PDB file of N, CA and C in Angstrom:
ATOM      1  N   MET A   1      48.993  88.764 111.634  1.00  0.00           N
ATOM      2  CA  MET A   1      48.108  89.508 111.395  1.00  0.00           C
ATOM      3  C   MET A   1      47.346  88.927 110.042  1.00  0.00           C
ATOM      4  N   ALA A   2      47.448  88.025 109.259  1.00  0.00           N
ATOM      5  CA  ALA A   2      46.982  87.697 108.314  1.00  0.00           C
ATOM      6  C   ALA A   2      45.676  87.733 108.256  1.00  0.00           C
ATOM      7  N   ASP A   3      44.853  86.962 109.529  1.00  0.00           N
ATOM      8  CA  ASP A   3      43.418  86.749 109.291  1.00  0.00           C
ATOM      9  C   ASP A   3      42.759  87.942 110.166  1.00  0.00           C
ATOM     10  N   LYS A   4      43.672  88.693 110.723  1.00  0.00           N
ATOM     11  CA  LYS A   4      42.982  89.807 111.431  1.00  0.00           C
ATOM     12  C   LYS A   4      42.000  90.467 110.463  1.00  0.00           C
ATOM     13  N   THR A   5      40.788  91.220 110.965  1.00  0.00           N
ATOM     14  CA  THR A   5      39.959  92.055 110.514  1.00  0.00           C
ATOM     15  C   THR A   5      39.285  93.222 111.253  1.00  0.00           C
ATOM     16  N   TYR A   6      38.687  94.118 110.599  1.00  0.00           N
ATOM     17  CA  TYR A   6      38.071  94.989 111.600  1.00  0.00           C
ATOM     18  C   TYR A   6      36.795  95.902 110.912  1.00  0.00           C
ATOM     19  N   ASP A   7      35.681  95.846 111.417  1.00  0.00           N
ATOM     20  CA  ASP A   7      34.230  96.622 110.929  1.00  0.00           C
ATOM     21  C   ASP A   7      34.142  97.729 110.892  1.00  0.00           C
ATOM     22  N   LEU A   8      34.107  98.459 110.174  1.00  0.00           N
ATOM     23  CA  LEU A   8      33.948  99.874 110.013  1.00  0.00           C
ATOM     24  C   LEU A   8      32.776 100.352 109.100  1.00  0.00           C
ATOM     25  N   GLN A   9      31.981 101.090 109.474  1.00  0.00           N
ATOM     26  CA  GLN A   9      30.565 101.379 108.707  1.00  0.00           C
ATOM     27  C   GLN A   9      30.189 100.542 107.791  1.00  0.00           C
ATOM     28  N   GLY A  10      29.923  99.179 108.370  1.00  0.00           N
ATOM     29  CA  GLY A  10      29.672  97.684 106.853  1.00  0.00           C
ATOM     30  C   GLY A  10      30.389  97.220 106.361  1.00  0.00           C
ATOM     31  N   TYR A  11      31.880  98.102 106.691  1.00  0.00           N
ATOM     32  CA  TYR A  11      32.932  97.061 105.663  1.00  0.00           C
ATOM     33  C   TYR A  11      33.600  96.453 106.447  1.00  0.00           C
ATOM     34  N   THR A  12      34.078  95.500 106.065  1.00  0.00           N
ATOM     35  CA  THR A  12      35.192  94.460 106.834  1.00  0.00           C
ATOM     36  C   THR A  12      36.463  94.747 106.087  1.00  0.00           C
ATOM     37  N   ILE A  13      37.256  95.248 106.930  1.00  0.00           N
ATOM     38  CA  ILE A  13      38.384  95.642 106.378  1.00  0.00           C
ATOM     39  C   ILE A  13      39.549  94.514 106.930  1.00  0.00           C
ATOM     40  N   ALA A  14      40.323  93.711 105.846  1.00  0.00           N
ATOM     41  CA  ALA A  14      41.627  93.043 106.088  1.00  0.00           C
ATOM     42  C   ALA A  14      42.730  93.836 106.549  1.00  0.00           C
ATOM     43  N   LEU A  15      43.041  93.829 107.675  1.00  0.00           N
ATOM     44  CA  LEU A  15      43.970  94.780 108.144  1.00  0.00           C
ATOM     45  C   LEU A  15      45.553  94.470 107.638  1.00  0.00           C
ATOM     46  N   ASN A  16      45.710  93.607 107.053  1.00  0.00           N
ATOM     47  CA  ASN A  16      46.705  93.374 106.366  1.00  0.00           C
ATOM     48  C   ASN A  16      47.342  94.152 105.140  1.00  0.00           C
ATOM     49  N   LYS A  17      45.891  94.706 104.698  1.00  0.00           N
ATOM     50  CA  LYS A  17      46.371  95.329 102.928  1.00  0.00           C
ATOM     51  C   LYS A  17      46.346  96.642 103.387  1.00  0.00           C
ATOM     52  N   ILE A  18      45.998  97.272 104.613  1.00  0.00           N
ATOM     53  CA  ILE A  18      46.267  98.671 104.805  1.00  0.00           C
ATOM     54  C   ILE A  18      47.893  99.348 104.750  1.00  0.00           C
ATOM     55  N   SER A  19      47.728 100.305 103.702  1.00  0.00           N
ATOM     56  CA  SER A  19      48.732 101.049 103.580  1.00  0.00           C
ATOM     57  C   SER A  19      49.177 101.947 104.355  1.00  0.00           C
ATOM     58  N   PHE A  20      48.319 103.069 104.441  1.00  0.00           N
ATOM     59  CA  PHE A  20      48.712 104.234 105.416  1.00  0.00           C
ATOM     60  C   PHE A  20      46.629 104.804 105.621  1.00  0.00           C
ATOM     61  N   ILE A  21      46.865 105.342 106.949  1.00  0.00           N
ATOM     62  CA  ILE A  21      45.613 105.766 107.067  1.00  0.00           C
ATOM     63  C   ILE A  21      45.950 107.376 107.523  1.00  0.00           C
ATOM     64  N   THR A  22      45.080 108.579 106.919  1.00  0.00           N
ATOM     65  CA  THR A  22      45.430 109.834 106.928  1.00  0.00           C
ATOM     66  C   THR A  22      44.840 110.202 108.345  1.00  0.00           C
ATOM     67  N   ARG A  23      45.041 111.657 108.319  1.00  0.00           N
ATOM     68  CA  ARG A  23      44.258 112.439 109.843  1.00  0.00           C
ATOM     69  C   ARG A  23      43.082 112.357 109.906  1.00  0.00           C
ATOM     70  N   VAL A  24      42.454 113.243 110.618  1.00  0.00           N
ATOM     71  CA  VAL A  24      40.773 113.286 110.344  1.00  0.00           C
ATOM     72  C   VAL A  24      40.634 114.812 109.896  1.00  0.00           C
ATOM     73  N   PHE A  25      39.730 115.115 108.867  1.00  0.00           N
ATOM     74  CA  PHE A  25      39.659 116.256 108.338  1.00  0.00           C
ATOM     75  C   PHE A  25      38.358 116.510 108.297  1.00  0.00           C
ATOM     76  N   ASP A  26      38.151 117.714 107.795  1.00  0.00           N
ATOM     77  CA  ASP A  26      36.832 118.431 107.421  1.00  0.00           C
ATOM     78  C   ASP A  26      36.468 117.559 105.995  1.00  0.00           C
ATOM     79  N   ALA A  27      35.203 117.024 105.946  1.00  0.00           N
ATOM     80  CA  ALA A  27      34.445 116.266 104.755  1.00  0.00           C
ATOM     81  C   ALA A  27      34.273 117.540 104.003  1.00  0.00           C
ATOM     82  N   GLU A  28      34.305 117.420 102.592  1.00  0.00           N
ATOM     83  CA  GLU A  28      33.788 118.105 101.314  1.00  0.00           C
ATOM     84  C   GLU A  28      32.222 118.495 101.909  1.00  0.00           C
ATOM     85  N   ASP A  29      31.774 119.771 101.653  1.00  0.00           N
ATOM     86  CA  ASP A  29      30.405 120.387 101.697  1.00  0.00           C
ATOM     87  C   ASP A  29      29.815 119.984 102.811  1.00  0.00           C
ATOM     88  N   GLY A  30      30.639 120.345 104.035  1.00  0.00           N
ATOM     89  CA  GLY A  30      30.218 120.146 105.238  1.00  0.00           C
ATOM     90  C   GLY A  30      29.457 118.925 105.944  1.00  0.00           C
ATOM     91  N   GLU A  31      30.021 117.789 105.381  1.00  0.00           N
ATOM     92  CA  GLU A  31      29.368 116.254 105.326  1.00  0.00           C
ATOM     93  C   GLU A  31      30.276 115.814 107.012  1.00  0.00           C
ATOM     94  N   GLY A  32      30.420 116.538 107.590  1.00  0.00           N
ATOM     95  CA  GLY A  32      31.115 115.990 108.896  1.00  0.00           C
ATOM     96  C   GLY A  32      32.606 116.062 108.919  1.00  0.00           C
ATOM     97  N   PHE A  33      33.129 114.668 109.188  1.00  0.00           N
ATOM     98  CA  PHE A  33      34.888 114.760 109.470  1.00  0.00           C
ATOM     99  C   PHE A  33      35.026 113.485 108.627  1.00  0.00           C
ATOM    100  N   GLN A  34      35.980 113.238 108.385  1.00  0.00           N
ATOM    101  CA  GLN A  34      36.495 111.677 107.733  1.00  0.00           C
ATOM    102  C   GLN A  34      37.990 111.623 108.047  1.00  0.00           C
ATOM    103  N   PHE A  35      38.421 110.431 107.594  1.00  0.00           N
ATOM    104  CA  PHE A  35      39.785 110.188 107.234  1.00  0.00           C
ATOM    105  C   PHE A  35      39.641 108.964 106.528  1.00  0.00           C
ATOM    106  N   ASN A  36      41.022 108.968 105.225  1.00  0.00           N
ATOM    107  CA  ASN A  36      40.903 108.086 104.288  1.00  0.00           C
ATOM    108  C   ASN A  36      41.868 107.077 104.709  1.00  0.00           C
ATOM    109  N   ILE A  37      41.705 105.747 104.183  1.00  0.00           N
ATOM    110  CA  ILE A  37      42.307 104.492 104.521  1.00  0.00           C
ATOM    111  C   ILE A  37      42.664 104.080 103.348  1.00  0.00           C
ATOM    112  N   ARG A  38      43.986 104.020 102.895  1.00  0.00           N
ATOM    113  CA  ARG A  38      44.555 103.663 101.472  1.00  0.00           C
ATOM    114  C   ARG A  38      45.062 102.190 101.716  1.00  0.00           C
ATOM    115  N   PHE A  39      44.672 101.440 100.472  1.00  0.00           N
ATOM    116  CA  PHE A  39      44.975  99.972 100.667  1.00  0.00           C
ATOM    117  C   PHE A  39      46.017  99.442  99.582  1.00  0.00           C
ATOM    118  N   SER A  40      46.689  98.491  99.690  1.00  0.00           N
ATOM    119  CA  SER A  40      48.128  98.101  98.931  1.00  0.00           C
ATOM    120  C   SER A  40      47.656  98.052  97.624  1.00  0.00           C
ATOM    121  N   ALA A  41      46.296  97.745  97.236  1.00  0.00           N
ATOM    122  CA  ALA A  41      46.179  97.844  96.088  1.00  0.00           C
ATOM    123  C   ALA A  41      45.432  99.232  95.340  1.00  0.00           C
ATOM    124  N   LYS A  42      45.704 100.269  95.866  1.00  0.00           N
ATOM    125  CA  LYS A  42      45.700 101.686  95.375  1.00  0.00           C
ATOM    126  C   LYS A  42      44.034 101.998  95.836  1.00  0.00           C
ATOM    127  N   LEU A  43      43.416 101.295  96.369  1.00  0.00           N
ATOM    128  CA  LEU A  43      41.572 101.681  96.817  1.00  0.00           C
ATOM    129  C   LEU A  43      41.887 102.366  97.655  1.00  0.00           C
ATOM    130  N   ARG A  44      40.857 103.200  98.321  1.00  0.00           N
ATOM    131  CA  ARG A  44      40.627 103.936  99.051  1.00  0.00           C
ATOM    132  C   ARG A  44      39.270 103.742  99.438  1.00  0.00           C
ATOM    133  N   LEU A  45      39.521 103.980 100.846  1.00  0.00           N
ATOM    134  CA  LEU A  45      38.004 104.117 101.873  1.00  0.00           C
ATOM    135  C   LEU A  45      37.908 105.265 102.572  1.00  0.00           C
ATOM    136  N   ALA A  46      36.883 106.001 102.673  1.00  0.00           N
ATOM    137  CA  ALA A  46      36.908 107.318 103.187  1.00  0.00           C
ATOM    138  C   ALA A  46      35.614 107.702 104.023  1.00  0.00           C
ATOM    139  N   PRO A  47      35.638 107.072 105.011  1.00  0.00           N
ATOM    140  CA  PRO A  47      34.505 107.021 105.971  1.00  0.00           C
ATOM    141  C   PRO A  47      34.240 108.006 106.564  1.00  0.00           C
ATOM    142  N   ARG A  48      33.097 108.846 106.879  1.00  0.00           N
ATOM    143  CA  ARG A  48      32.906 110.072 107.139  1.00  0.00           C
ATOM    144  C   ARG A  48      31.796 109.904 108.422  1.00  0.00           C
ATOM    145  N   PHE A  49      32.069 110.818 109.561  1.00  0.00           N
ATOM    146  CA  PHE A  49      31.341 110.742 110.580  1.00  0.00           C
ATOM    147  C   PHE A  49      30.588 112.399 110.912  1.00  0.00           C
ATOM    148  N   PRO A  50      29.629 112.348 111.475  1.00  0.00           N
ATOM    149  CA  PRO A  50      29.111 113.400 111.891  1.00  0.00           C
ATOM    150  C   PRO A  50      29.767 114.231 112.930  1.00  0.00           C
ATOM    151  N   THR A  51      30.632 113.941 113.861  1.00  0.00           N
ATOM    152  CA  THR A  51      31.427 114.736 114.628  1.00  0.00           C
ATOM    153  C   THR A  51      32.851 114.396 114.573  1.00  0.00           C
ATOM    154  N   ARG A  52      33.735 115.383 114.869  1.00  0.00           N
ATOM    155  CA  ARG A  52      35.007 115.030 114.790  1.00  0.00           C
ATOM    156  C   ARG A  52      35.528 113.969 115.903  1.00  0.00           C
ATOM    157  N   HIS A  53      34.701 113.903 117.109  1.00  0.00           N
ATOM    158  CA  HIS A  53      35.146 113.322 118.306  1.00  0.00           C
ATOM    159  C   HIS A  53      34.828 111.751 117.748  1.00  0.00           C
ATOM    160  N   GLU A  54      33.502 111.857 117.011  1.00  0.00           N
ATOM    161  CA  GLU A  54      33.634 110.218 116.659  1.00  0.00           C
ATOM    162  C   GLU A  54      34.607 109.565 115.424  1.00  0.00           C
ATOM    163  N   ALA A  55      34.930 110.662 114.311  1.00  0.00           N
ATOM    164  CA  ALA A  55      36.070 110.383 113.520  1.00  0.00           C
ATOM    165  C   ALA A  55      37.316 110.079 114.157  1.00  0.00           C
ATOM    166  N   GLU A  56      37.612 110.967 115.313  1.00  0.00           N
ATOM    167  CA  GLU A  56      39.263 110.473 115.939  1.00  0.00           C
ATOM    168  C   GLU A  56      39.000 108.879 116.615  1.00  0.00           C
ATOM    169  N   LEU A  57      37.849 108.721 117.189  1.00  0.00           N
ATOM    170  CA  LEU A  57      37.797 107.466 118.083  1.00  0.00           C
ATOM    171  C   LEU A  57      37.813 106.350 117.173  1.00  0.00           C
ATOM    172  N   GLN A  58      37.242 106.551 115.875  1.00  0.00           N
ATOM    173  CA  GLN A  58      36.890 105.216 115.056  1.00  0.00           C
ATOM    174  C   GLN A  58      38.420 105.148 114.526  1.00  0.00           C
ATOM    175  N   ARG A  59      38.984 106.242 114.315  1.00  0.00           N
ATOM    176  CA  ARG A  59      40.543 106.322 113.162  1.00  0.00           C
ATOM    177  C   ARG A  59      41.461 105.543 114.556  1.00  0.00           C
ATOM    178  N   SER A  60      41.464 106.062 115.768  1.00  0.00           N
ATOM    179  CA  SER A  60      42.212 105.501 116.731  1.00  0.00           C
ATOM    180  C   SER A  60      41.956 103.909 117.406  1.00  0.00           C
ATOM    181  N   LEU A  61      40.580 103.343 116.971  1.00  0.00           N
ATOM    182  CA  LEU A  61      40.403 102.140 117.205  1.00  0.00           C
ATOM    183  C   LEU A  61      40.930 101.473 116.021  1.00  0.00           C
ATOM    184  N   LEU A  62      40.926 101.813 115.079  1.00  0.00           N
ATOM    185  CA  LEU A  62      41.745 101.007 113.559  1.00  0.00           C
ATOM    186  C   LEU A  62      43.015 101.155 113.922  1.00  0.00           C
ATOM    187  N   VAL A  63      43.512 102.116 114.422  1.00  0.00           N
ATOM    188  CA  VAL A  63      45.120 102.354 114.221  1.00  0.00           C
ATOM    189  C   VAL A  63      45.472 101.243 115.764  1.00  0.00           C
ATOM    190  N   LYS A  64      44.851 101.007 116.734  1.00  0.00           N
ATOM    191  CA  LYS A  64      44.952 100.001 117.688  1.00  0.00           C
ATOM    192  C   LYS A  64      44.714  98.362 117.254  1.00  0.00           C
ATOM    193  N   ALA A  65      43.975  98.722 116.300  1.00  0.00           N
ATOM    194  CA  ALA A  65      43.875  96.964 115.734  1.00  0.00           C
ATOM    195  C   ALA A  65      44.805  96.856 115.150  1.00  0.00           C
ATOM    196  N   LEU A  66      45.595  97.536 114.486  1.00  0.00           N
ATOM    197  CA  LEU A  66      46.542  97.273 113.526  1.00  0.00           C
ATOM    198  C   LEU A  66      47.943  96.865 114.571  1.00  0.00           C
ATOM    199  N   SER A  67      48.089  97.635 115.600  1.00  0.00           N
ATOM    200  CA  SER A  67      49.339  97.140 116.379  1.00  0.00           C
ATOM    201  C   SER A  67      49.064  95.584 117.135  1.00  0.00           C
TER     202      SER A  67
END
């Protein structure tokens, strides 16, 4: 898995650096829905999506890519 990457909203993510992924939740100030990706270097990426369906889909595709 060392060479696997995943593209999400213009970011290329090194899958072997992901520590955990949160569930989908309402973003602040009514800005849609988001989930957080925490990396081993204590960095966080918080992609936001206009609908819960889109957020759930993108999260599930990322989880599938980690498998």
